[in-house]
């Protein structure tokens, strides 16, 4: 990776694919976003399909091959995590249940596979970090001590050269509505 300073653009949140699938518009958007002054990378989503694009993961991998070589990527798991949360309130790396934590670890492994596919498509180490969202939604009692971190040794072996950014672990705090636990990067 080039390591050049610059902005990581959360491009998927503004991409035309949010409103439907138009490959030409999406390609034009990606190429324009990658060439904006000061942009050194793009944040890309990991979807419930196991792909890095909402409609066509293979198409996306072909497109990123055509982007400037200096570009790095941050993979965010928020779309996958939110989708899983819709199906199971106990899903999450910080779940109170073993099943909820195991399901989240399995999705972290799937995200790791998507990172490997992106790395292979580019033929270089271009993933700067993976942004893991721990979940679950707020509960009335705290997570057992250490439960959220039990998966970290496995993640370290899966992520390769990519860093980890862990964020948005919400917790109920006595006499308060919620507190956002600090995000931390490794």
N, C-alpha and C. Protein backbone atom coordinates (compact mmCIF):
# COMPACT_ATOMS: atom_id res chain seq x y z
N UNK A 1 0.83 -1.18 0.00
CA UNK A 1 0.00 0.00 0.00
C UNK A 1 0.87 1.23 0.00
N UNK A 2 0.37 2.26 -0.62
CA UNK A 2 1.17 3.46 -0.76
C UNK A 2 1.36 4.20 0.55
N UNK A 3 0.37 4.15 1.43
CA UNK A 3 0.49 4.82 2.70
C UNK A 3 0.37 6.33 2.59
N UNK A 4 0.02 6.84 1.41
CA UNK A 4 -0.09 8.28 1.24
C UNK A 4 -1.27 8.82 2.05
N UNK A 5 -1.05 10.00 2.62
CA UNK A 5 -2.12 10.62 3.40
C UNK A 5 -3.21 11.10 2.46
N UNK A 6 -4.38 11.10 2.93
CA UNK A 6 -5.51 11.59 2.13
C UNK A 6 -6.81 11.14 2.75
N UNK A 7 -7.87 11.47 2.10
CA UNK A 7 -9.20 11.15 2.59
C UNK A 7 -9.65 9.77 2.12
N UNK A 8 -10.36 9.09 3.00
CA UNK A 8 -11.06 7.86 2.63
C UNK A 8 -12.51 8.28 2.41
N UNK A 9 -12.98 8.15 1.21
CA UNK A 9 -14.31 8.60 0.85
C UNK A 9 -15.32 7.47 1.04
N UNK A 10 -16.36 7.71 1.83
CA UNK A 10 -17.44 6.75 2.03
C UNK A 10 -18.32 6.75 0.80
N UNK A 11 -17.80 6.26 -0.30
CA UNK A 11 -18.44 6.40 -1.60
C UNK A 11 -19.75 5.64 -1.73
N UNK A 12 -19.89 4.51 -1.08
CA UNK A 12 -21.09 3.70 -1.30
C UNK A 12 -22.35 4.40 -0.80
N UNK A 13 -22.23 5.26 0.18
CA UNK A 13 -23.40 5.96 0.72
C UNK A 13 -23.95 6.98 -0.27
N UNK A 14 -23.16 7.39 -1.24
CA UNK A 14 -23.61 8.35 -2.24
C UNK A 14 -23.73 7.73 -3.63
N UNK A 15 -23.44 6.46 -3.75
CA UNK A 15 -23.40 5.80 -5.06
C UNK A 15 -24.78 5.70 -5.69
N UNK A 16 -24.84 5.75 -7.01
CA UNK A 16 -26.12 5.59 -7.71
C UNK A 16 -26.83 4.27 -7.40
N UNK A 17 -26.10 3.24 -7.00
CA UNK A 17 -26.69 1.92 -6.72
C UNK A 17 -27.69 1.97 -5.57
N UNK A 18 -27.68 3.02 -4.79
CA UNK A 18 -28.66 3.14 -3.71
C UNK A 18 -30.08 3.28 -4.28
N UNK A 19 -30.18 3.81 -5.48
CA UNK A 19 -31.49 4.06 -6.10
C UNK A 19 -31.83 3.07 -7.20
N UNK A 20 -31.07 2.03 -7.37
CA UNK A 20 -31.30 1.05 -8.42
C UNK A 20 -30.00 0.74 -9.14
N UNK A 21 -30.05 -0.25 -10.00
CA UNK A 21 -28.83 -0.73 -10.63
C UNK A 21 -28.68 -0.17 -12.03
N UNK A 22 -27.67 0.67 -12.20
CA UNK A 22 -27.30 1.25 -13.49
C UNK A 22 -25.78 1.15 -13.58
N UNK A 23 -25.27 0.09 -14.21
CA UNK A 23 -23.81 -0.12 -14.23
C UNK A 23 -23.02 1.04 -14.82
N UNK A 24 -23.55 1.70 -15.83
CA UNK A 24 -22.82 2.81 -16.45
C UNK A 24 -22.69 3.99 -15.48
N UNK A 25 -23.80 4.33 -14.83
CA UNK A 25 -23.77 5.43 -13.86
C UNK A 25 -22.87 5.09 -12.68
N UNK A 26 -22.93 3.85 -12.25
CA UNK A 26 -22.12 3.41 -11.11
C UNK A 26 -20.62 3.46 -11.46
N UNK A 27 -20.27 3.01 -12.66
CA UNK A 27 -18.87 3.04 -13.09
C UNK A 27 -18.37 4.47 -13.17
N UNK A 28 -19.17 5.35 -13.76
CA UNK A 28 -18.77 6.77 -13.87
C UNK A 28 -18.57 7.37 -12.48
N UNK A 29 -19.46 7.04 -11.56
CA UNK A 29 -19.36 7.55 -10.20
C UNK A 29 -18.07 7.06 -9.53
N UNK A 30 -17.80 5.76 -9.59
CA UNK A 30 -16.60 5.21 -8.96
C UNK A 30 -15.33 5.86 -9.50
N UNK A 31 -15.25 5.97 -10.81
CA UNK A 31 -14.05 6.54 -11.43
C UNK A 31 -13.89 8.01 -11.06
N UNK A 32 -15.00 8.77 -11.01
CA UNK A 32 -14.92 10.18 -10.62
C UNK A 32 -14.55 10.32 -9.15
N UNK A 33 -15.14 9.51 -8.29
CA UNK A 33 -14.84 9.57 -6.85
C UNK A 33 -13.37 9.26 -6.59
N UNK A 34 -12.84 8.28 -7.28
CA UNK A 34 -11.45 7.86 -7.09
C UNK A 34 -10.45 8.93 -7.54
N UNK A 35 -10.90 9.83 -8.38
CA UNK A 35 -10.00 10.86 -8.91
C UNK A 35 -10.20 12.23 -8.26
N UNK A 36 -11.03 12.30 -7.24
CA UNK A 36 -11.22 13.58 -6.55
C UNK A 36 -9.91 13.99 -5.87
N UNK A 37 -9.59 15.29 -5.89
CA UNK A 37 -8.38 15.75 -5.21
C UNK A 37 -8.42 15.40 -3.72
N UNK A 38 -7.32 14.88 -3.23
CA UNK A 38 -7.20 14.56 -1.81
C UNK A 38 -7.72 13.19 -1.42
N UNK A 39 -8.39 12.48 -2.32
CA UNK A 39 -8.93 11.16 -2.00
C UNK A 39 -7.85 10.11 -2.23
N UNK A 40 -7.56 9.36 -1.17
CA UNK A 40 -6.57 8.29 -1.28
C UNK A 40 -7.20 6.91 -1.17
N UNK A 41 -8.50 6.88 -0.86
CA UNK A 41 -9.15 5.59 -0.72
C UNK A 41 -10.65 5.69 -0.72
N UNK A 42 -11.29 4.55 -0.85
CA UNK A 42 -12.74 4.45 -0.83
C UNK A 42 -13.18 3.48 0.25
N UNK A 43 -14.24 3.85 0.95
CA UNK A 43 -14.88 2.93 1.87
C UNK A 43 -15.90 2.14 1.06
N UNK A 44 -15.83 0.82 1.14
CA UNK A 44 -16.74 -0.03 0.38
C UNK A 44 -17.46 -0.96 1.35
N UNK A 45 -18.72 -1.29 1.05
CA UNK A 45 -19.52 -2.08 1.97
C UNK A 45 -19.37 -3.58 1.75
N UNK A 46 -19.50 -4.31 2.84
CA UNK A 46 -19.64 -5.76 2.79
C UNK A 46 -21.12 -6.04 2.98
N UNK A 47 -21.74 -6.64 1.97
CA UNK A 47 -23.19 -6.88 1.98
C UNK A 47 -23.54 -8.29 2.45
N UNK A 48 -24.80 -8.51 2.81
CA UNK A 48 -25.24 -9.83 3.25
C UNK A 48 -25.02 -10.94 2.22
N UNK A 49 -24.86 -10.56 0.96
CA UNK A 49 -24.58 -11.54 -0.10
C UNK A 49 -23.16 -12.08 -0.02
N UNK A 50 -22.32 -11.43 0.80
CA UNK A 50 -20.91 -11.82 0.88
C UNK A 50 -20.06 -11.08 -0.15
N UNK A 51 -20.67 -10.14 -0.84
CA UNK A 51 -19.99 -9.38 -1.89
C UNK A 51 -19.70 -7.95 -1.42
N UNK A 52 -18.89 -7.25 -2.19
CA UNK A 52 -18.55 -5.86 -1.88
C UNK A 52 -19.35 -4.88 -2.74
N UNK A 53 -20.45 -5.34 -3.29
CA UNK A 53 -21.34 -4.48 -4.05
C UNK A 53 -22.77 -4.96 -3.87
N UNK A 54 -23.69 -4.01 -3.83
CA UNK A 54 -25.09 -4.32 -3.57
C UNK A 54 -25.71 -5.23 -4.63
N UNK A 55 -25.31 -5.04 -5.90
CA UNK A 55 -25.94 -5.77 -6.99
C UNK A 55 -25.05 -6.79 -7.68
N UNK A 56 -23.75 -6.50 -7.78
CA UNK A 56 -22.89 -7.37 -8.57
C UNK A 56 -21.44 -7.28 -8.10
N UNK A 57 -21.06 -8.21 -7.25
CA UNK A 57 -19.72 -8.21 -6.69
C UNK A 57 -18.63 -8.41 -7.73
N UNK A 58 -18.88 -9.28 -8.71
CA UNK A 58 -17.89 -9.51 -9.77
C UNK A 58 -17.69 -8.25 -10.61
N UNK A 59 -18.79 -7.56 -10.92
CA UNK A 59 -18.72 -6.30 -11.67
C UNK A 59 -17.85 -5.30 -10.90
N UNK A 60 -18.08 -5.21 -9.58
CA UNK A 60 -17.33 -4.28 -8.76
C UNK A 60 -15.83 -4.59 -8.80
N UNK A 61 -15.49 -5.86 -8.67
CA UNK A 61 -14.07 -6.23 -8.70
C UNK A 61 -13.43 -5.88 -10.04
N UNK A 62 -14.17 -6.01 -11.11
CA UNK A 62 -13.66 -5.60 -12.43
C UNK A 62 -13.46 -4.09 -12.47
N UNK A 63 -14.37 -3.34 -11.90
CA UNK A 63 -14.27 -1.87 -11.90
C UNK A 63 -13.06 -1.40 -11.09
N UNK A 64 -12.83 -1.97 -9.93
CA UNK A 64 -11.71 -1.49 -9.10
C UNK A 64 -10.36 -1.77 -9.74
N UNK A 65 -10.31 -2.76 -10.62
CA UNK A 65 -9.06 -3.01 -11.36
C UNK A 65 -8.69 -1.83 -12.26
N UNK A 66 -9.68 -1.03 -12.62
CA UNK A 66 -9.48 0.10 -13.53
C UNK A 66 -9.25 1.42 -12.80
N UNK A 67 -9.31 1.40 -11.48
CA UNK A 67 -9.13 2.62 -10.70
C UNK A 67 -7.63 2.90 -10.50
N UNK A 68 -7.26 4.12 -10.13
CA UNK A 68 -5.84 4.45 -9.93
C UNK A 68 -5.16 3.51 -8.93
N UNK A 69 -3.92 3.18 -9.20
CA UNK A 69 -3.19 2.22 -8.36
C UNK A 69 -2.90 2.70 -6.95
N UNK A 70 -2.92 4.01 -6.72
CA UNK A 70 -2.64 4.53 -5.37
C UNK A 70 -3.81 4.32 -4.41
N UNK A 71 -4.96 3.98 -4.93
CA UNK A 71 -6.17 3.91 -4.13
C UNK A 71 -6.12 2.75 -3.13
N UNK A 72 -6.54 3.05 -1.89
CA UNK A 72 -6.70 2.02 -0.86
C UNK A 72 -8.20 1.89 -0.57
N UNK A 73 -8.53 0.88 0.24
CA UNK A 73 -9.93 0.62 0.54
C UNK A 73 -10.11 0.34 2.02
N UNK A 74 -11.25 0.77 2.55
CA UNK A 74 -11.70 0.39 3.88
C UNK A 74 -13.00 -0.36 3.65
N UNK A 75 -13.08 -1.57 4.14
CA UNK A 75 -14.29 -2.38 4.01
C UNK A 75 -15.10 -2.20 5.28
N UNK A 76 -16.37 -1.80 5.13
CA UNK A 76 -17.25 -1.63 6.28
C UNK A 76 -18.28 -2.76 6.31
N UNK A 77 -18.52 -3.28 7.50
CA UNK A 77 -19.48 -4.37 7.65
C UNK A 77 -20.86 -3.89 8.07
N UNK A 78 -21.09 -2.58 8.07
CA UNK A 78 -22.36 -2.07 8.57
C UNK A 78 -23.57 -2.58 7.78
N UNK A 79 -23.57 -2.66 6.44
CA UNK A 79 -24.77 -3.17 5.77
C UNK A 79 -25.08 -4.63 6.15
N UNK A 80 -24.06 -5.45 6.23
CA UNK A 80 -24.26 -6.84 6.61
C UNK A 80 -24.74 -6.94 8.06
N UNK A 81 -24.11 -6.20 8.95
CA UNK A 81 -24.48 -6.25 10.37
C UNK A 81 -25.92 -5.80 10.58
N UNK A 82 -26.32 -4.71 9.94
CA UNK A 82 -27.68 -4.21 10.11
C UNK A 82 -28.70 -5.20 9.55
N UNK A 83 -28.37 -5.83 8.43
CA UNK A 83 -29.27 -6.83 7.87
C UNK A 83 -29.41 -8.02 8.81
N UNK A 84 -28.32 -8.47 9.39
CA UNK A 84 -28.35 -9.60 10.33
C UNK A 84 -29.13 -9.23 11.58
N UNK A 85 -28.98 -7.99 12.03
CA UNK A 85 -29.71 -7.52 13.20
C UNK A 85 -31.21 -7.54 12.95
N UNK A 86 -31.63 -7.24 11.73
CA UNK A 86 -33.06 -7.29 11.40
C UNK A 86 -33.61 -8.70 11.56
N UNK A 87 -32.79 -9.71 11.29
CA UNK A 87 -33.22 -11.09 11.38
C UNK A 87 -33.05 -11.72 12.75
N UNK A 88 -32.15 -11.17 13.56
CA UNK A 88 -31.87 -11.76 14.86
C UNK A 88 -31.35 -10.68 15.81
N UNK A 89 -32.15 -10.32 16.77
CA UNK A 89 -31.77 -9.25 17.71
C UNK A 89 -30.54 -9.59 18.53
N UNK A 90 -30.17 -10.87 18.64
CA UNK A 90 -28.99 -11.21 19.44
C UNK A 90 -27.73 -11.38 18.60
N UNK A 91 -27.81 -11.12 17.29
CA UNK A 91 -26.63 -11.20 16.43
C UNK A 91 -25.63 -10.13 16.85
N UNK A 92 -24.36 -10.49 16.95
CA UNK A 92 -23.32 -9.50 17.17
C UNK A 92 -22.12 -10.03 17.90
N UNK A 93 -21.00 -9.38 17.66
CA UNK A 93 -19.75 -9.74 18.33
C UNK A 93 -19.84 -9.51 19.83
N UNK A 94 -20.72 -8.60 20.25
CA UNK A 94 -20.90 -8.30 21.67
C UNK A 94 -22.20 -8.89 22.19
N UNK A 95 -22.71 -9.92 21.54
CA UNK A 95 -23.97 -10.53 21.94
C UNK A 95 -23.86 -11.20 23.30
N UNK A 96 -24.98 -11.25 23.99
CA UNK A 96 -25.04 -11.96 25.26
C UNK A 96 -25.11 -13.47 25.04
N UNK A 97 -25.46 -13.90 23.83
CA UNK A 97 -25.58 -15.34 23.57
C UNK A 97 -24.41 -15.84 22.76
N UNK A 98 -24.03 -17.06 23.03
CA UNK A 98 -22.96 -17.69 22.26
C UNK A 98 -23.35 -17.80 20.78
N UNK A 99 -24.60 -18.15 20.52
CA UNK A 99 -25.06 -18.29 19.13
C UNK A 99 -24.97 -16.96 18.39
N UNK A 100 -25.33 -15.87 19.05
CA UNK A 100 -25.24 -14.55 18.44
C UNK A 100 -23.81 -14.15 18.13
N UNK A 101 -22.91 -14.46 19.06
CA UNK A 101 -21.48 -14.15 18.84
C UNK A 101 -20.91 -15.04 17.74
N UNK A 102 -21.24 -16.33 17.75
CA UNK A 102 -20.71 -17.25 16.73
C UNK A 102 -21.19 -16.85 15.33
N UNK A 103 -22.44 -16.42 15.22
CA UNK A 103 -22.95 -15.97 13.92
C UNK A 103 -22.19 -14.74 13.44
N UNK A 104 -21.88 -13.83 14.35
CA UNK A 104 -21.13 -12.63 13.99
C UNK A 104 -19.69 -12.96 13.60
N UNK A 105 -19.08 -13.88 14.30
CA UNK A 105 -17.72 -14.30 13.95
C UNK A 105 -17.71 -14.93 12.56
N UNK A 106 -18.74 -15.71 12.26
CA UNK A 106 -18.84 -16.31 10.92
C UNK A 106 -18.95 -15.23 9.85
N UNK A 107 -19.66 -14.13 10.14
CA UNK A 107 -19.78 -13.04 9.17
C UNK A 107 -18.46 -12.28 9.06
N UNK A 108 -17.72 -12.16 10.16
CA UNK A 108 -16.39 -11.53 10.09
C UNK A 108 -15.48 -12.37 9.20
N UNK A 109 -15.59 -13.70 9.30
CA UNK A 109 -14.80 -14.58 8.42
C UNK A 109 -15.21 -14.39 6.97
N UNK A 110 -16.51 -14.22 6.71
CA UNK A 110 -16.97 -13.99 5.35
C UNK A 110 -16.46 -12.65 4.82
N UNK A 111 -16.43 -11.63 5.69
CA UNK A 111 -15.87 -10.34 5.28
C UNK A 111 -14.39 -10.48 4.94
N UNK A 112 -13.70 -11.31 5.69
CA UNK A 112 -12.29 -11.57 5.41
C UNK A 112 -12.10 -12.20 4.03
N UNK A 113 -13.01 -13.08 3.66
CA UNK A 113 -12.96 -13.69 2.32
C UNK A 113 -13.18 -12.63 1.24
N UNK A 114 -14.08 -11.70 1.49
CA UNK A 114 -14.31 -10.61 0.53
C UNK A 114 -13.07 -9.74 0.39
N UNK A 115 -12.36 -9.52 1.50
CA UNK A 115 -11.10 -8.76 1.46
C UNK A 115 -10.08 -9.52 0.62
N UNK A 116 -10.01 -10.83 0.81
CA UNK A 116 -9.08 -11.63 0.00
C UNK A 116 -9.42 -11.54 -1.49
N UNK A 117 -10.71 -11.56 -1.81
CA UNK A 117 -11.13 -11.45 -3.22
C UNK A 117 -10.73 -10.10 -3.80
N UNK A 118 -10.89 -9.03 -3.02
CA UNK A 118 -10.49 -7.70 -3.48
C UNK A 118 -8.98 -7.63 -3.68
N UNK A 119 -8.23 -8.16 -2.73
CA UNK A 119 -6.77 -8.19 -2.83
C UNK A 119 -6.33 -8.97 -4.06
N UNK A 120 -6.94 -10.12 -4.29
CA UNK A 120 -6.60 -10.94 -5.46
C UNK A 120 -6.96 -10.22 -6.76
N UNK A 121 -8.10 -9.56 -6.79
CA UNK A 121 -8.52 -8.85 -8.00
C UNK A 121 -7.55 -7.74 -8.36
N UNK A 122 -7.02 -7.07 -7.33
CA UNK A 122 -6.10 -5.96 -7.57
C UNK A 122 -4.66 -6.41 -7.73
N UNK A 123 -4.35 -7.60 -7.24
CA UNK A 123 -2.98 -8.08 -7.32
C UNK A 123 -2.04 -7.32 -6.40
N UNK A 124 -2.60 -6.70 -5.37
CA UNK A 124 -1.78 -5.94 -4.42
C UNK A 124 -2.55 -5.81 -3.10
N UNK A 125 -1.82 -5.47 -2.06
CA UNK A 125 -2.44 -5.24 -0.75
C UNK A 125 -3.01 -3.82 -0.75
N UNK A 126 -4.31 -3.71 -0.89
CA UNK A 126 -4.94 -2.39 -1.00
C UNK A 126 -5.96 -2.12 0.09
N UNK A 127 -6.25 -3.10 0.94
CA UNK A 127 -7.24 -2.90 2.00
C UNK A 127 -6.53 -2.35 3.22
N UNK A 128 -6.84 -1.10 3.51
CA UNK A 128 -6.22 -0.41 4.63
C UNK A 128 -6.79 -0.90 5.96
N UNK A 129 -8.10 -1.14 5.99
CA UNK A 129 -8.74 -1.57 7.24
C UNK A 129 -10.10 -2.19 6.94
N UNK A 130 -10.56 -2.96 7.91
CA UNK A 130 -11.92 -3.49 7.90
C UNK A 130 -12.62 -2.88 9.11
N UNK A 131 -13.74 -2.23 8.87
CA UNK A 131 -14.51 -1.57 9.93
C UNK A 131 -15.59 -2.54 10.40
N UNK A 132 -15.35 -3.15 11.54
CA UNK A 132 -16.29 -4.11 12.11
C UNK A 132 -17.26 -3.41 13.05
N UNK A 133 -18.53 -3.70 12.88
CA UNK A 133 -19.56 -3.16 13.76
C UNK A 133 -20.03 -4.29 14.66
N UNK A 134 -19.87 -4.09 15.94
CA UNK A 134 -19.98 -5.21 16.86
C UNK A 134 -21.41 -5.68 17.12
N UNK A 135 -22.35 -4.76 17.26
CA UNK A 135 -23.72 -5.14 17.59
C UNK A 135 -23.71 -5.91 18.92
N UNK A 136 -24.78 -6.24 19.52
CA UNK A 136 -26.16 -6.10 19.07
C UNK A 136 -26.75 -4.76 19.46
N UNK A 137 -28.04 -4.66 19.22
CA UNK A 137 -28.77 -3.49 19.66
C UNK A 137 -28.75 -3.45 21.18
N UNK A 138 -29.11 -2.30 21.76
CA UNK A 138 -29.08 -2.19 23.23
C UNK A 138 -29.93 -3.26 23.92
N UNK A 139 -29.40 -3.72 25.03
CA UNK A 139 -30.11 -4.68 25.88
C UNK A 139 -30.13 -4.10 27.29
N UNK A 140 -30.88 -4.72 28.16
CA UNK A 140 -31.01 -4.18 29.51
C UNK A 140 -29.83 -4.49 30.41
N UNK A 141 -29.06 -5.49 30.08
CA UNK A 141 -27.92 -5.86 30.92
C UNK A 141 -26.66 -5.84 30.08
N UNK A 142 -25.54 -5.61 30.70
CA UNK A 142 -24.28 -5.51 29.98
C UNK A 142 -23.80 -6.83 29.42
N UNK A 143 -22.86 -6.76 28.54
CA UNK A 143 -22.24 -7.93 27.94
C UNK A 143 -21.29 -8.55 28.95
N UNK A 144 -21.26 -9.88 29.05
CA UNK A 144 -20.32 -10.51 29.97
C UNK A 144 -18.89 -10.05 29.70
N UNK A 145 -18.13 -9.86 30.75
CA UNK A 145 -16.77 -9.37 30.61
C UNK A 145 -15.99 -10.23 29.62
N UNK A 146 -15.40 -9.58 28.67
CA UNK A 146 -14.57 -10.27 27.70
C UNK A 146 -15.30 -10.91 26.54
N UNK A 147 -16.63 -10.94 26.56
CA UNK A 147 -17.38 -11.63 25.49
C UNK A 147 -17.12 -11.01 24.13
N UNK A 148 -17.08 -9.71 24.07
CA UNK A 148 -16.91 -9.04 22.78
C UNK A 148 -15.52 -9.25 22.20
N UNK A 149 -14.54 -9.56 23.03
CA UNK A 149 -13.18 -9.68 22.54
C UNK A 149 -12.71 -11.10 22.29
N UNK A 150 -13.53 -12.09 22.56
CA UNK A 150 -13.09 -13.48 22.40
C UNK A 150 -12.76 -13.84 20.96
N UNK A 151 -13.36 -13.15 20.02
CA UNK A 151 -13.17 -13.44 18.60
C UNK A 151 -11.91 -12.78 18.04
N UNK A 152 -11.31 -11.84 18.75
CA UNK A 152 -10.19 -11.07 18.21
C UNK A 152 -9.00 -11.92 17.75
N UNK A 153 -8.58 -12.95 18.49
CA UNK A 153 -7.45 -13.74 17.99
C UNK A 153 -7.73 -14.37 16.62
N UNK A 154 -8.96 -14.84 16.41
CA UNK A 154 -9.31 -15.41 15.10
C UNK A 154 -9.28 -14.34 14.03
N UNK A 155 -9.84 -13.16 14.32
CA UNK A 155 -9.87 -12.09 13.33
C UNK A 155 -8.45 -11.70 12.93
N UNK A 156 -7.55 -11.63 13.88
CA UNK A 156 -6.17 -11.26 13.58
C UNK A 156 -5.53 -12.19 12.56
N UNK A 157 -5.87 -13.46 12.60
CA UNK A 157 -5.31 -14.40 11.64
C UNK A 157 -6.00 -14.32 10.28
N UNK A 158 -7.24 -13.82 10.24
CA UNK A 158 -7.98 -13.73 8.98
C UNK A 158 -7.68 -12.47 8.20
N UNK A 159 -7.41 -11.36 8.89
CA UNK A 159 -7.41 -10.06 8.23
C UNK A 159 -6.18 -9.78 7.38
N UNK A 160 -5.16 -10.59 7.49
CA UNK A 160 -3.97 -10.36 6.68
C UNK A 160 -3.32 -9.04 7.06
N UNK A 161 -3.07 -8.20 6.06
CA UNK A 161 -2.39 -6.94 6.30
C UNK A 161 -3.34 -5.80 6.64
N UNK A 162 -4.63 -6.03 6.55
CA UNK A 162 -5.59 -4.96 6.82
C UNK A 162 -5.68 -4.68 8.32
N UNK A 163 -5.82 -3.41 8.66
CA UNK A 163 -6.05 -3.04 10.05
C UNK A 163 -7.51 -3.30 10.41
N UNK A 164 -7.82 -3.07 11.65
CA UNK A 164 -9.19 -3.25 12.12
C UNK A 164 -9.65 -1.97 12.80
N UNK A 165 -10.84 -1.53 12.45
CA UNK A 165 -11.48 -0.43 13.14
C UNK A 165 -12.76 -1.01 13.70
N UNK A 166 -12.93 -0.91 15.00
CA UNK A 166 -14.09 -1.51 15.68
C UNK A 166 -14.94 -0.37 16.20
N UNK A 167 -16.19 -0.33 15.83
CA UNK A 167 -17.00 0.79 16.25
C UNK A 167 -18.45 0.47 16.47
N UNK A 168 -19.11 1.42 17.06
CA UNK A 168 -20.55 1.41 17.26
C UNK A 168 -21.06 0.25 18.07
N UNK A 169 -20.44 0.02 19.16
CA UNK A 169 -20.93 -0.96 20.12
C UNK A 169 -21.73 -0.20 21.16
N UNK A 170 -23.03 -0.30 21.08
CA UNK A 170 -23.90 0.46 21.98
C UNK A 170 -24.18 -0.34 23.24
N UNK A 171 -24.32 0.35 24.34
CA UNK A 171 -24.57 -0.32 25.61
C UNK A 171 -25.51 0.53 26.46
N UNK A 172 -26.40 -0.14 27.18
CA UNK A 172 -27.25 0.56 28.14
C UNK A 172 -26.40 0.90 29.36
N UNK A 173 -26.52 2.12 29.84
CA UNK A 173 -25.82 2.55 31.04
C UNK A 173 -26.88 2.93 32.07
N UNK A 174 -26.71 2.50 33.29
CA UNK A 174 -27.69 2.77 34.34
C UNK A 174 -28.02 4.26 34.39
N UNK A 175 -29.30 4.58 34.45
CA UNK A 175 -29.84 5.94 34.54
C UNK A 175 -29.51 6.80 33.32
N UNK A 176 -29.16 6.17 32.22
CA UNK A 176 -28.95 6.87 30.96
C UNK A 176 -29.59 6.03 29.87
N UNK A 177 -29.83 6.63 28.73
CA UNK A 177 -30.41 5.86 27.64
C UNK A 177 -29.39 4.90 27.03
N UNK A 178 -28.34 5.45 26.49
CA UNK A 178 -27.30 4.62 25.88
C UNK A 178 -25.98 5.36 25.95
N UNK A 179 -24.93 4.62 25.82
CA UNK A 179 -23.61 5.22 25.69
C UNK A 179 -22.90 4.53 24.56
N UNK A 180 -22.27 5.29 23.72
CA UNK A 180 -21.50 4.70 22.63
C UNK A 180 -20.12 4.39 23.18
N UNK A 181 -19.77 3.12 23.16
CA UNK A 181 -18.45 2.73 23.63
C UNK A 181 -17.43 3.25 22.64
N UNK A 182 -16.27 3.59 23.11
CA UNK A 182 -15.25 4.14 22.23
C UNK A 182 -14.86 3.17 21.13
N UNK A 183 -14.69 3.74 19.94
CA UNK A 183 -14.14 2.97 18.84
C UNK A 183 -12.65 2.90 19.05
N UNK A 184 -12.06 1.83 18.58
CA UNK A 184 -10.61 1.77 18.67
C UNK A 184 -10.05 1.10 17.44
N UNK A 185 -8.93 1.54 17.04
CA UNK A 185 -8.27 0.99 15.87
C UNK A 185 -7.10 0.15 16.32
N UNK A 186 -6.83 -0.91 15.54
CA UNK A 186 -5.66 -1.72 15.84
C UNK A 186 -4.80 -1.82 14.62
